PDB file of N, CA and C in Angstrom:
ATOM      1  N   MET A   1      43.072 -61.178-105.492  1.00  0.00           N
ATOM      2  CA  MET A   1      43.185 -60.075-105.618  1.00  0.00           C
ATOM      3  C   MET A   1      42.949 -59.794-103.735  1.00  0.00           C
ATOM      4  N   LEU A   2      43.456 -59.864-102.643  1.00  0.00           N
ATOM      5  CA  LEU A   2      43.481 -59.547-101.456  1.00  0.00           C
ATOM      6  C   LEU A   2      42.614 -57.830-101.512  1.00  0.00           C
ATOM      7  N   ASN A   3      41.743 -57.999-100.315  1.00  0.00           N
ATOM      8  CA  ASN A   3      41.414 -56.659 -99.919  1.00  0.00           C
ATOM      9  C   ASN A   3      41.346 -56.575 -98.943  1.00  0.00           C
ATOM     10  N   PHE A   4      42.474 -54.895 -98.768  1.00  0.00           N
ATOM     11  CA  PHE A   4      42.267 -54.578 -97.385  1.00  0.00           C
ATOM     12  C   PHE A   4      41.873 -53.767 -96.743  1.00  0.00           C
ATOM     13  N   ALA A   5      40.837 -52.956 -97.570  1.00  0.00           N
ATOM     14  CA  ALA A   5      39.681 -52.077 -96.934  1.00  0.00           C
ATOM     15  C   ALA A   5      39.355 -51.894 -96.232  1.00  0.00           C
ATOM     16  N   GLY A   6      39.558 -51.017 -95.263  1.00  0.00           N
ATOM     17  CA  GLY A   6      39.185 -51.250 -93.017  1.00  0.00           C
ATOM     18  C   GLY A   6      39.750 -52.063 -92.787  1.00  0.00           C
ATOM     19  N   THR A   7      41.020 -52.428 -93.231  1.00  0.00           N
ATOM     20  CA  THR A   7      41.801 -53.331 -92.026  1.00  0.00           C
ATOM     21  C   THR A   7      42.978 -52.587 -91.636  1.00  0.00           C
ATOM     22  N   HIS A   8      43.257 -52.257 -90.582  1.00  0.00           N
ATOM     23  CA  HIS A   8      44.288 -51.527 -89.897  1.00  0.00           C
ATOM     24  C   HIS A   8      45.869 -52.480 -90.905  1.00  0.00           C
ATOM     25  N   SER A   9      46.047 -50.781 -91.200  1.00  0.00           N
ATOM     26  CA  SER A   9      47.519 -50.120 -91.466  1.00  0.00           C
ATOM     27  C   SER A   9      48.365 -51.461 -91.343  1.00  0.00           C
ATOM     28  N   PHE A  10      48.201 -51.741 -89.725  1.00  0.00           N
ATOM     29  CA  PHE A  10      49.613 -53.095 -89.280  1.00  0.00           C
ATOM     30  C   PHE A  10      49.869 -54.251 -89.965  1.00  0.00           C
ATOM     31  N   ILE A  11      47.973 -54.758 -89.994  1.00  0.00           N
ATOM     32  CA  ILE A  11      48.222 -56.204 -90.404  1.00  0.00           C
ATOM     33  C   ILE A  11      47.907 -56.011 -92.358  1.00  0.00           C
ATOM     34  N   ALA A  12      47.956 -54.667 -92.976  1.00  0.00           N
ATOM     35  CA  ALA A  12      47.653 -54.535 -94.264  1.00  0.00           C
ATOM     36  C   ALA A  12      49.162 -54.684 -94.527  1.00  0.00           C
ATOM     37  N   ALA A  13      49.941 -54.213 -93.886  1.00  0.00           N
ATOM     38  CA  ALA A  13      51.789 -54.290 -94.197  1.00  0.00           C
ATOM     39  C   ALA A  13      52.185 -55.430 -94.413  1.00  0.00           C
ATOM     40  N   PRO A  14      53.124 -55.641 -96.043  1.00  0.00           N
ATOM     41  CA  PRO A  14      53.770 -57.455 -95.274  1.00  0.00           C
ATOM     42  C   PRO A  14      54.696 -57.648 -94.151  1.00  0.00           C
ATOM     43  N   GLU A  15      55.037 -58.845 -94.609  1.00  0.00           N
ATOM     44  CA  GLU A  15      55.627 -58.978 -93.024  1.00  0.00           C
ATOM     45  C   GLU A  15      56.210 -58.584 -92.608  1.00  0.00           C
ATOM     46  N   THR A  16      57.324 -58.411 -93.743  1.00  0.00           N
ATOM     47  CA  THR A  16      58.840 -57.449 -92.732  1.00  0.00           C
ATOM     48  C   THR A  16      58.706 -56.475 -92.387  1.00  0.00           C
ATOM     49  N   ASP A  17      57.390 -55.228 -93.134  1.00  0.00           N
ATOM     50  CA  ASP A  17      57.025 -54.102 -92.320  1.00  0.00           C
ATOM     51  C   ASP A  17      56.597 -53.968 -91.646  1.00  0.00           C
ATOM     52  N   SER A  18      55.110 -55.285 -91.113  1.00  0.00           N
ATOM     53  CA  SER A  18      55.035 -55.355 -89.515  1.00  0.00           C
ATOM     54  C   SER A  18      56.088 -55.856 -88.723  1.00  0.00           C
ATOM     55  N   ARG A  19      56.951 -56.998 -89.213  1.00  0.00           N
ATOM     56  CA  ARG A  19      57.898 -56.939 -88.034  1.00  0.00           C
ATOM     57  C   ARG A  19      58.589 -55.699 -87.496  1.00  0.00           C
ATOM     58  N   GLN A  20      58.450 -55.492 -87.882  1.00  0.00           N
ATOM     59  CA  GLN A  20      59.202 -53.641 -87.720  1.00  0.00           C
ATOM     60  C   GLN A  20      58.385 -53.281 -87.328  1.00  0.00           C
ATOM     61  N   LEU A  21      57.083 -52.731 -87.236  1.00  0.00           N
ATOM     62  CA  LEU A  21      56.566 -52.666 -86.623  1.00  0.00           C
ATOM     63  C   LEU A  21      56.489 -52.627 -85.445  1.00  0.00           C
ATOM     64  N   ILE A  22      55.893 -54.111 -84.683  1.00  0.00           N
ATOM     65  CA  ILE A  22      56.166 -54.767 -83.856  1.00  0.00           C
ATOM     66  C   ILE A  22      57.090 -53.934 -82.828  1.00  0.00           C
ATOM     67  N   ALA A  23      58.493 -54.167 -83.122  1.00  0.00           N
ATOM     68  CA  ALA A  23      59.630 -54.422 -83.488  1.00  0.00           C
ATOM     69  C   ALA A  23      59.965 -52.681 -82.401  1.00  0.00           C
ATOM     70  N   ALA A  24      59.173 -52.014 -83.505  1.00  0.00           N
ATOM     71  CA  ALA A  24      59.061 -49.957 -82.833  1.00  0.00           C
ATOM     72  C   ALA A  24      58.708 -50.670 -82.452  1.00  0.00           C
ATOM     73  N   ASP A  25      56.835 -50.716 -81.599  1.00  0.00           N
ATOM     74  CA  ASP A  25      56.261 -50.654 -80.868  1.00  0.00           C
ATOM     75  C   ASP A  25      57.082 -51.596 -79.202  1.00  0.00           C
ATOM     76  N   LEU A  26      57.636 -52.345 -79.515  1.00  0.00           N
ATOM     77  CA  LEU A  26      57.985 -52.877 -78.503  1.00  0.00           C
ATOM     78  C   LEU A  26      59.225 -51.841 -77.787  1.00  0.00           C
ATOM     79  N   ARG A  27      59.583 -51.793 -78.681  1.00  0.00           N
ATOM     80  CA  ARG A  27      61.378 -50.746 -77.937  1.00  0.00           C
ATOM     81  C   ARG A  27      60.147 -49.071 -77.629  1.00  0.00           C
ATOM     82  N   SER A  28      59.714 -49.188 -78.252  1.00  0.00           N
ATOM     83  CA  SER A  28      58.515 -47.902 -77.320  1.00  0.00           C
ATOM     84  C   SER A  28      58.152 -48.538 -76.127  1.00  0.00           C
ATOM     85  N   LEU A  29      57.939 -48.945 -75.821  1.00  0.00           N
ATOM     86  CA  LEU A  29      57.316 -50.031 -74.899  1.00  0.00           C
ATOM     87  C   LEU A  29      58.451 -49.787 -73.431  1.00  0.00           C
ATOM     88  N   ILE A  30      59.481 -50.453 -74.380  1.00  0.00           N
ATOM     89  CA  ILE A  30      60.399 -50.742 -73.321  1.00  0.00           C
ATOM     90  C   ILE A  30      60.440 -49.522 -72.686  1.00  0.00           C
ATOM     91  N   ALA A  31      60.965 -48.464 -73.552  1.00  0.00           N
ATOM     92  CA  ALA A  31      61.255 -47.280 -73.519  1.00  0.00           C
ATOM     93  C   ALA A  31      60.576 -46.487 -72.599  1.00  0.00           C
ATOM     94  N   ARG A  32      59.664 -46.388 -72.391  1.00  0.00           N
ATOM     95  CA  ARG A  32      58.145 -45.808 -71.837  1.00  0.00           C
ATOM     96  C   ARG A  32      58.613 -46.764 -69.772  1.00  0.00           C
ATOM     97  N   ILE A  33      59.046 -48.005 -69.873  1.00  0.00           N
ATOM     98  CA  ILE A  33      58.675 -48.744 -69.209  1.00  0.00           C
ATOM     99  C   ILE A  33      59.934 -48.151 -68.259  1.00  0.00           C
ATOM    100  N   ASP A  34      61.573 -48.161 -68.924  1.00  0.00           N
ATOM    101  CA  ASP A  34      62.300 -47.393 -68.015  1.00  0.00           C
ATOM    102  C   ASP A  34      62.296 -46.312 -67.114  1.00  0.00           C
ATOM    103  N   ILE A  35      61.194 -45.246 -68.669  1.00  0.00           N
ATOM    104  CA  ILE A  35      61.197 -44.035 -68.039  1.00  0.00           C
ATOM    105  C   ILE A  35      60.172 -43.765 -66.746  1.00  0.00           C
ATOM    106  N   SER A  36      59.185 -45.303 -66.222  1.00  0.00           N
ATOM    107  CA  SER A  36      58.058 -45.152 -65.301  1.00  0.00           C
ATOM    108  C   SER A  36      59.607 -45.717 -64.035  1.00  0.00           C
ATOM    109  N   MET A  37      60.429 -46.452 -64.482  1.00  0.00           N
ATOM    110  CA  MET A  37      61.214 -47.361 -62.986  1.00  0.00           C
ATOM    111  C   MET A  37      61.970 -46.128 -62.281  1.00  0.00           C
ATOM    112  N   ARG A  38      62.117 -44.818 -64.378  1.00  0.00           N
ATOM    113  CA  ARG A  38      63.249 -44.076 -62.974  1.00  0.00           C
ATOM    114  C   ARG A  38      62.666 -43.026 -61.964  1.00  0.00           C
ATOM    115  N   LEU A  39      60.888 -42.505 -62.649  1.00  0.00           N
ATOM    116  CA  LEU A  39      60.779 -42.118 -61.899  1.00  0.00           C
ATOM    117  C   LEU A  39      59.934 -42.712 -60.476  1.00  0.00           C
ATOM    118  N   ILE A  40      59.756 -43.674 -60.717  1.00  0.00           N
ATOM    119  CA  ILE A  40      59.666 -44.423 -59.271  1.00  0.00           C
ATOM    120  C   ILE A  40      60.814 -44.867 -58.105  1.00  0.00           C
ATOM    121  N   ASP A  41      61.854 -44.987 -58.891  1.00  0.00           N
ATOM    122  CA  ASP A  41      63.309 -44.481 -58.226  1.00  0.00           C
ATOM    123  C   ASP A  41      62.951 -43.169 -57.566  1.00  0.00           C
ATOM    124  N   ALA A  42      62.942 -42.385 -58.245  1.00  0.00           N
ATOM    125  CA  ALA A  42      63.118 -40.353 -58.381  1.00  0.00           C
ATOM    126  C   ALA A  42      62.073 -40.851 -56.828  1.00  0.00           C
ATOM    127  N   ALA A  43      60.908 -40.854 -57.147  1.00  0.00           N
ATOM    128  CA  ALA A  43      59.942 -40.822 -55.523  1.00  0.00           C
ATOM    129  C   ALA A  43      60.018 -41.540 -54.231  1.00  0.00           C
ATOM    130  N   MET A  44      61.013 -42.884 -54.788  1.00  0.00           N
ATOM    131  CA  MET A  44      61.569 -43.414 -53.164  1.00  0.00           C
ATOM    132  C   MET A  44      62.802 -42.655 -52.326  1.00  0.00           C
ATOM    133  N   GLU A  45      63.367 -42.080 -54.100  1.00  0.00           N
ATOM    134  CA  GLU A  45      64.565 -41.392 -52.573  1.00  0.00           C
ATOM    135  C   GLU A  45      63.826 -40.409 -52.357  1.00  0.00           C
ATOM    136  N   ARG A  46      63.020 -39.401 -53.182  1.00  0.00           N
ATOM    137  CA  ARG A  46      62.510 -38.442 -51.870  1.00  0.00           C
ATOM    138  C   ARG A  46      62.307 -38.968 -51.495  1.00  0.00           C
ATOM    139  N   ASP A  47      61.162 -39.557 -51.257  1.00  0.00           N
ATOM    140  CA  ASP A  47      60.589 -40.206 -49.737  1.00  0.00           C
ATOM    141  C   ASP A  47      61.325 -40.430 -48.463  1.00  0.00           C
ATOM    142  N   ASP A  48      62.451 -41.302 -48.817  1.00  0.00           N
ATOM    143  CA  ASP A  48      63.722 -41.475 -47.989  1.00  0.00           C
ATOM    144  C   ASP A  48      64.184 -40.148 -47.709  1.00  0.00           C
ATOM    145  N   SER A  49      64.962 -39.244 -48.526  1.00  0.00           N
ATOM    146  CA  SER A  49      65.455 -38.265 -47.950  1.00  0.00           C
ATOM    147  C   SER A  49      64.823 -37.819 -46.728  1.00  0.00           C
ATOM    148  N   GLY A  50      63.342 -37.672 -47.221  1.00  0.00           N
ATOM    149  CA  GLY A  50      62.119 -36.111 -46.271  1.00  0.00           C
ATOM    150  C   GLY A  50      62.649 -36.605 -45.045  1.00  0.00           C
ATOM    151  N   SER A  51      62.869 -38.348 -44.720  1.00  0.00           N
ATOM    152  CA  SER A  51      62.649 -38.904 -42.691  1.00  0.00           C
ATOM    153  C   SER A  51      63.998 -38.383 -42.603  1.00  0.00           C
ATOM    154  N   ALA A  52      64.902 -38.325 -42.942  1.00  0.00           N
ATOM    155  CA  ALA A  52      66.361 -38.506 -42.375  1.00  0.00           C
ATOM    156  C   ALA A  52      67.235 -37.652 -42.044  1.00  0.00           C
ATOM    157  N   GLY A  53      66.391 -36.243 -41.579  1.00  0.00           N
ATOM    158  CA  GLY A  53      66.686 -34.836 -41.307  1.00  0.00           C
ATOM    159  C   GLY A  53      66.354 -35.355 -39.429  1.00  0.00           C
ATOM    160  N   SER A  54      65.765 -35.414 -39.234  1.00  0.00           N
ATOM    161  CA  SER A  54      66.002 -36.060 -37.884  1.00  0.00           C
ATOM    162  C   SER A  54      66.146 -37.168 -37.055  1.00  0.00           C
ATOM    163  N   VAL A  55      67.080 -37.763 -36.020  1.00  0.00           N
ATOM    164  CA  VAL A  55      67.260 -38.475 -35.535  1.00  0.00           C
ATOM    165  C   VAL A  55      65.559 -38.859 -34.236  1.00  0.00           C
ATOM    166  N   ASP A  56      65.052 -37.621 -34.319  1.00  0.00           N
ATOM    167  CA  ASP A  56      63.429 -38.354 -33.031  1.00  0.00           C
ATOM    168  C   ASP A  56      62.969 -38.468 -33.623  1.00  0.00           C
ATOM    169  N   VAL A  57      62.734 -38.470 -34.753  1.00  0.00           N
ATOM    170  CA  VAL A  57      61.554 -38.863 -35.777  1.00  0.00           C
ATOM    171  C   VAL A  57      61.402 -40.358 -36.371  1.00  0.00           C
ATOM    172  N   VAL A  58      60.282 -41.118 -35.630  1.00  0.00           N
ATOM    173  CA  VAL A  58      60.769 -42.657 -37.001  1.00  0.00           C
ATOM    174  C   VAL A  58      59.421 -42.721 -37.894  1.00  0.00           C
ATOM    175  N   VAL A  59      60.005 -42.678 -38.725  1.00  0.00           N
ATOM    176  CA  VAL A  59      58.579 -42.798 -39.926  1.00  0.00           C
ATOM    177  C   VAL A  59      58.550 -44.049 -40.795  1.00  0.00           C
ATOM    178  N   LEU A  60      57.273 -44.976 -40.162  1.00  0.00           N
ATOM    179  CA  LEU A  60      56.653 -45.779 -40.998  1.00  0.00           C
ATOM    180  C   LEU A  60      55.983 -45.596 -42.156  1.00  0.00           C
ATOM    181  N   ASP A  61      57.122 -46.739 -42.745  1.00  0.00           N
ATOM    182  CA  ASP A  61      57.058 -46.031 -44.436  1.00  0.00           C
ATOM    183  C   ASP A  61      55.818 -47.527 -45.291  1.00  0.00           C
ATOM    184  N   ASP A  62      54.370 -46.888 -45.562  1.00  0.00           N
ATOM    185  CA  ASP A  62      54.118 -47.771 -46.162  1.00  0.00           C
ATOM    186  C   ASP A  62      53.911 -47.818 -48.241  1.00  0.00           C
ATOM    187  N   VAL A  63      54.506 -46.827 -47.921  1.00  0.00           N
ATOM    188  CA  VAL A  63      54.594 -46.461 -49.700  1.00  0.00           C
ATOM    189  C   VAL A  63      55.427 -47.583 -50.285  1.00  0.00           C
ATOM    190  N   THR A  64      56.692 -46.939 -49.314  1.00  0.00           N
ATOM    191  CA  THR A  64      58.135 -48.091 -50.601  1.00  0.00           C
ATOM    192  C   THR A  64      58.289 -48.987 -50.471  1.00  0.00           C
ATOM    193  N   PRO A  65      57.339 -50.310 -49.977  1.00  0.00           N
ATOM    194  CA  PRO A  65      57.108 -51.444 -50.484  1.00  0.00           C
ATOM    195  C   PRO A  65      55.855 -51.671 -51.832  1.00  0.00           C
ATOM    196  N   ARG A  66      55.420 -50.798 -51.598  1.00  0.00           N
ATOM    197  CA  ARG A  66      54.325 -50.175 -52.991  1.00  0.00           C
ATOM    198  C   ARG A  66      55.217 -49.908 -54.219  1.00  0.00           C
ATOM    199  N   TYR A  67      55.731 -49.123 -53.787  1.00  0.00           N
ATOM    200  CA  TYR A  67      56.998 -48.580 -54.891  1.00  0.00           C
ATOM    201  C   TYR A  67      57.550 -49.568 -55.704  1.00  0.00           C
ATOM    202  N   ALA A  68      58.063 -50.285 -54.429  1.00  0.00           N
ATOM    203  CA  ALA A  68      59.492 -51.857 -54.760  1.00  0.00           C
ATOM    204  C   ALA A  68      58.381 -52.680 -55.770  1.00  0.00           C
ATOM    205  N   ALA A  69      57.239 -53.300 -55.395  1.00  0.00           N
ATOM    206  CA  ALA A  69      56.612 -53.961 -55.809  1.00  0.00           C
ATOM    207  C   ALA A  69      56.659 -53.033 -57.417  1.00  0.00           C
ATOM    208  N   ALA A  70      55.803 -52.204 -57.472  1.00  0.00           N
ATOM    209  CA  ALA A  70      55.518 -52.622 -59.034  1.00  0.00           C
ATOM    210  C   ALA A  70      56.779 -52.031 -59.234  1.00  0.00           C
ATOM    211  N   SER A  71      58.122 -51.268 -59.039  1.00  0.00           N
ATOM    212  CA  SER A  71      59.662 -51.812 -59.721  1.00  0.00           C
ATOM    213  C   SER A  71      59.576 -53.296 -60.167  1.00  0.00           C
ATOM    214  N   ALA A  72      59.435 -53.372 -59.004  1.00  0.00           N
ATOM    215  CA  ALA A  72      59.868 -55.494 -59.878  1.00  0.00           C
ATOM    216  C   ALA A  72      58.633 -55.182 -60.667  1.00  0.00           C
ATOM    217  N   THR A  73      57.349 -55.026 -60.487  1.00  0.00           N
ATOM    218  CA  THR A  73      56.988 -55.926 -61.837  1.00  0.00           C
ATOM    219  C   THR A  73      56.772 -55.111 -63.200  1.00  0.00           C
ATOM    220  N   LEU A  74      57.236 -54.022 -62.895  1.00  0.00           N
ATOM    221  CA  LEU A  74      57.926 -53.072 -64.463  1.00  0.00           C
ATOM    222  C   LEU A  74      59.372 -54.215 -65.485  1.00  0.00           C
ATOM    223  N   ASN A  75      59.741 -54.190 -64.183  1.00  0.00           N
ATOM    224  CA  ASN A  75      60.972 -55.201 -63.915  1.00  0.00           C
ATOM    225  C   ASN A  75      61.312 -56.210 -64.958  1.00  0.00           C
ATOM    226  N   VAL A  76      60.097 -57.446 -64.653  1.00  0.00           N
ATOM    227  CA  VAL A  76      59.749 -58.408 -65.175  1.00  0.00           C
ATOM    228  C   VAL A  76      58.794 -58.156 -67.282  1.00  0.00           C
ATOM    229  N   CYS A  77      57.785 -57.286 -66.815  1.00  0.00           N
ATOM    230  CA  CYS A  77      57.436 -56.493 -68.067  1.00  0.00           C
ATOM    231  C   CYS A  77      58.563 -56.754 -68.651  1.00  0.00           C
ATOM    232  N   ARG A  78      59.785 -55.374 -68.567  1.00  0.00           N
ATOM    233  CA  ARG A  78      60.797 -55.126 -69.246  1.00  0.00           C
ATOM    234  C   ARG A  78      61.144 -56.583 -70.089  1.00  0.00           C
ATOM    235  N   ALA A  79      61.950 -57.528 -69.033  1.00  0.00           N
ATOM    236  CA  ALA A  79      62.521 -58.604 -69.224  1.00  0.00           C
ATOM    237  C   ALA A  79      61.611 -59.545 -70.416  1.00  0.00           C
ATOM    238  N   GLY A  80      60.312 -59.264 -70.418  1.00  0.00           N
ATOM    239  CA  GLY A  80      59.722 -59.602 -70.913  1.00  0.00           C
ATOM    240  C   GLY A  80      59.272 -59.576 -72.513  1.00  0.00           C
ATOM    241  N   LEU A  81      59.119 -57.910 -72.201  1.00  0.00           N
ATOM    242  CA  LEU A  81      59.203 -57.229 -73.426  1.00  0.00           C
ATOM    243  C   LEU A  81      60.924 -57.380 -74.771  1.00  0.00           C
ATOM    244  N   GLY A  82      61.758 -57.368 -73.374  1.00  0.00           N
ATOM    245  CA  GLY A  82      62.726 -57.789 -74.568  1.00  0.00           C
ATOM    246  C   GLY A  82      63.718 -59.206 -74.658  1.00  0.00           C
ATOM    247  N   GLY A  83      62.909 -60.351 -74.619  1.00  0.00           N
ATOM    248  CA  GLY A  83      62.338 -61.687 -74.593  1.00  0.00           C
ATOM    249  C   GLY A  83      62.144 -61.285 -76.169  1.00  0.00           C
ATOM    250  N   ALA A  84      60.733 -60.780 -75.973  1.00  0.00           N
ATOM    251  CA  ALA A  84      59.804 -60.894 -77.286  1.00  0.00           C
ATOM    252  C   ALA A  84      60.244 -60.425 -78.017  1.00  0.00           C
ATOM    253  N   LEU A  85      61.138 -59.193 -78.087  1.00  0.00           N
ATOM    254  CA  LEU A  85      61.786 -58.168 -78.801  1.00  0.00           C
ATOM    255  C   LEU A  85      63.215 -59.356 -79.632  1.00  0.00           C
ATOM    256  N   GLN A  86      63.410 -60.249 -79.108  1.00  0.00           N
ATOM    257  CA  GLN A  86      64.755 -61.071 -79.563  1.00  0.00           C
ATOM    258  C   GLN A  86      64.481 -62.128 -79.839  1.00  0.00           C
ATOM    259  N   GLN A  87      63.446 -62.762 -79.635  1.00  0.00           N
ATOM    260  CA  GLN A  87      62.671 -63.553 -80.863  1.00  0.00           C
ATOM    261  C   GLN A  87      62.039 -63.390 -81.751  1.00  0.00           C
ATOM    262  N   LEU A  88      61.412 -62.110 -82.204  1.00  0.00           N
ATOM    263  CA  LEU A  88      60.968 -61.446 -82.962  1.00  0.00           C
ATOM    264  C   LEU A  88      62.806 -60.937 -84.190  1.00  0.00           C
ATOM    265  N   SER A  89      63.194 -60.909 -83.273  1.00  0.00           N
ATOM    266  CA  SER A  89      64.759 -60.407 -84.211  1.00  0.00           C
ATOM    267  C   SER A  89      65.183 -61.480 -84.617  1.00  0.00           C
ATOM    268  N   GLU A  90      65.201 -62.802 -83.862  1.00  0.00           N
ATOM    269  CA  GLU A  90      65.894 -63.865 -84.777  1.00  0.00           C
ATOM    270  C   GLU A  90      64.627 -64.595 -85.840  1.00  0.00           C
ATOM    271  N   PHE A  91      63.590 -64.784 -85.632  1.00  0.00           N
ATOM    272  CA  PHE A  91      62.898 -64.676 -86.686  1.00  0.00           C
ATOM    273  C   PHE A  91      62.982 -64.028 -87.655  1.00  0.00           C
ATOM    274  N   SER A  92      63.014 -62.919 -87.225  1.00  0.00           N
ATOM    275  CA  SER A  92      63.970 -61.472 -88.581  1.00  0.00           C
ATOM    276  C   SER A  92      65.140 -61.935 -89.976  1.00  0.00           C
ATOM    277  N   ASN A  93      66.250 -63.028 -88.691  1.00  0.00           N
ATOM    278  CA  ASN A  93      66.896 -62.677 -88.704  1.00  0.00           C
ATOM    279  C   ASN A  93      67.324 -64.003 -89.945  1.00  0.00           C
ATOM    280  N   SER A  94      66.102 -65.146 -89.687  1.00  0.00           N
ATOM    281  CA  SER A  94      65.665 -67.110 -90.176  1.00  0.00           C
ATOM    282  C   SER A  94      65.830 -67.050 -91.655  1.00  0.00           C
ATOM    283  N   ASP A  95      65.371 -65.516 -92.279  1.00  0.00           N
ATOM    284  CA  ASP A  95      64.756 -65.145 -93.636  1.00  0.00           C
ATOM    285  C   ASP A  95      65.442 -65.775 -94.028  1.00  0.00           C
TER     286      ASP A  95
END
């Protein structure tokens, strides 16, 4: 008999339950990334609209490239998590 005392419940769960927990966690991470991307988009729009009021003012924006880089990185992370979720789904369907 296996002794799971002191083992994280995720590890002690049957294989199908473990896959479901992993899939739920991946979906949660994807949702969090989507929220972060929307926050970045909103911040970029706010920064863009703040400088649009005057023709006489030139704004050298050093923040937007950082937002764009963060957004691109999150996009890559989201794609990777989506790929992991797809692989897990294909693995589950092959049982």
